[in-house]
């Protein structure tokens, strides 16, 4: 019985370590699903340290066209990404699509939306 418990505990610990190895979006500015004045930049905070050269953030406007943006910047913690939005943002729904690679080589993606009033 003890041997089965130890094996099960080991499997749970390995699975937990693997689940935490992917970058999760913890916070976004503008906040996910909110209605805001046209932002000048996006700020995305992740759970893991990122590799900027292998990561990307794209923004699509109400018509589906890409919004012009400047180069993505990473802060000193390597977990916070800032993307300046250089194009004019008209009123409507916007979709942010991100792809991040972590320092340990794992990759993850996601999308979220916000609305410009």
Protein backbone atom coordinates (compact mmCIF):
# COMPACT_ATOMS: atom_id res chain seq x y z
CA UNK A 1 0.00 0.00 0.00
CA UNK A 2 2.79 2.43 0.89
CA UNK A 3 4.54 1.70 -2.41
CA UNK A 4 1.36 2.56 -4.37
CA UNK A 5 0.98 5.80 -2.40
CA UNK A 6 4.58 6.83 -3.14
CA UNK A 7 4.19 6.11 -6.85
CA UNK A 8 0.91 8.07 -6.98
CA UNK A 9 2.47 11.00 -5.11
CA UNK A 10 5.40 11.02 -7.55
CA UNK A 11 3.06 11.08 -10.55
CA UNK A 12 1.10 14.00 -9.05
CA UNK A 13 4.30 15.99 -8.40
CA UNK A 14 5.60 15.39 -11.92
CA UNK A 15 2.26 16.43 -13.45
CA UNK A 16 2.12 19.56 -11.28
CA UNK A 17 5.62 20.56 -12.35
CA UNK A 18 4.72 20.11 -16.02
CA UNK A 19 1.47 22.07 -15.68
CA UNK A 20 3.30 25.05 -14.21
CA UNK A 21 5.95 25.07 -16.96
CA UNK A 22 3.75 26.95 -19.43
CA UNK A 23 3.35 30.71 -19.31
CA UNK A 24 -0.13 31.72 -18.17
CA UNK A 25 -1.45 35.20 -18.73
CA UNK A 26 -1.98 36.54 -15.20
CA UNK A 27 -2.99 40.13 -15.97
CA UNK A 28 -3.59 42.32 -19.00
CA UNK A 29 -3.96 46.06 -19.44
CA UNK A 30 -6.48 46.82 -20.78
CA UNK A 31 -8.20 44.17 -18.70
CA UNK A 32 -9.70 41.21 -20.49
CA UNK A 33 -13.27 41.90 -21.63
CA UNK A 34 -13.38 45.56 -20.55
CA UNK A 35 -14.44 48.69 -22.43
CA UNK A 36 -11.78 51.41 -22.36
CA UNK A 37 -10.60 54.60 -24.02
CA UNK A 38 -8.14 53.83 -26.83
CA UNK A 39 -4.99 52.48 -25.12
CA UNK A 40 -1.50 53.57 -26.20
CA UNK A 41 -0.04 50.16 -25.28
CA UNK A 42 -0.83 46.66 -24.09
CA UNK A 43 0.81 45.31 -20.95
CA UNK A 44 0.68 41.56 -20.38
CA UNK A 45 1.95 39.86 -17.20
CA UNK A 46 2.82 36.15 -17.35
CA UNK A 47 3.54 33.43 -14.79
CA UNK A 48 6.92 32.46 -16.26
CA UNK A 49 10.05 34.14 -17.63
CA UNK A 50 9.76 34.65 -21.39
CA UNK A 51 11.99 34.55 -24.46
CA UNK A 52 11.05 37.68 -26.44
CA UNK A 53 12.67 36.59 -29.73
CA UNK A 54 10.37 33.54 -29.83
CA UNK A 55 7.23 35.31 -28.57
CA UNK A 56 4.65 37.54 -30.23
CA UNK A 57 1.57 39.66 -29.57
CA UNK A 58 -0.84 40.66 -32.36
CA UNK A 59 -3.87 42.93 -32.16
CA UNK A 60 -6.76 42.88 -34.64
CA UNK A 61 -9.31 45.68 -34.84
CA UNK A 62 -13.09 45.66 -35.40
CA UNK A 63 -12.67 44.93 -39.12
CA UNK A 64 -10.21 42.11 -38.43
CA UNK A 65 -7.28 44.13 -39.77
CA UNK A 66 -4.01 44.16 -37.83
CA UNK A 67 -3.40 47.16 -35.58
CA UNK A 68 0.00 48.78 -36.08
CA UNK A 69 2.28 48.20 -33.11
CA UNK A 70 5.83 48.90 -32.07
CA UNK A 71 8.36 46.32 -30.91
CA UNK A 72 7.48 44.18 -27.93
CA UNK A 73 9.51 45.01 -24.80
CA UNK A 74 10.19 42.78 -21.80
CA UNK A 75 10.72 44.17 -18.29
CA UNK A 76 13.61 43.18 -16.00
CA UNK A 77 11.61 40.32 -14.42
CA UNK A 78 11.24 38.83 -17.94
CA UNK A 79 7.55 38.21 -17.14
CA UNK A 80 5.91 41.49 -18.25
CA UNK A 81 5.52 42.33 -21.94
CA UNK A 82 4.64 45.81 -23.21
CA UNK A 83 3.50 46.38 -26.78
CA UNK A 84 3.07 49.98 -27.93
CA UNK A 85 0.04 50.50 -30.18
CA UNK A 86 1.13 52.95 -32.86
CA UNK A 87 -1.99 52.82 -35.01
CA UNK A 88 -5.19 54.75 -34.30
CA UNK A 89 -7.80 52.64 -32.51
CA UNK A 90 -11.37 53.33 -33.56
CA UNK A 91 -14.36 52.39 -31.43
CA UNK A 92 -15.17 48.68 -31.51
CA UNK A 93 -14.05 45.22 -30.43
CA UNK A 94 -10.37 44.25 -30.50
CA UNK A 95 -8.81 40.80 -30.32
CA UNK A 96 -5.35 40.18 -28.85
CA UNK A 97 -3.59 36.97 -29.89
CA UNK A 98 -0.40 36.03 -28.07
CA UNK A 99 2.21 33.31 -28.36
CA UNK A 100 4.85 33.02 -25.65
CA UNK A 101 7.90 30.83 -25.23
CA UNK A 102 9.30 30.37 -21.74
CA UNK A 103 12.95 30.20 -20.72
CA UNK A 104 12.61 26.42 -20.30
CA UNK A 105 11.44 26.03 -23.91
CA UNK A 106 7.70 25.53 -23.43
CA UNK A 107 5.32 27.41 -25.71
CA UNK A 108 1.75 28.51 -25.11
CA UNK A 109 -0.82 30.76 -26.80
CA UNK A 110 -4.02 32.53 -26.01
CA UNK A 111 -6.46 35.20 -27.05
CA UNK A 112 -8.58 37.78 -25.31
CA UNK A 113 -10.63 40.78 -26.24
CA UNK A 114 -11.34 44.33 -25.14
CA UNK A 115 -13.54 47.07 -26.55
CA UNK A 116 -12.63 50.67 -27.35
CA UNK A 117 -15.44 53.15 -26.61
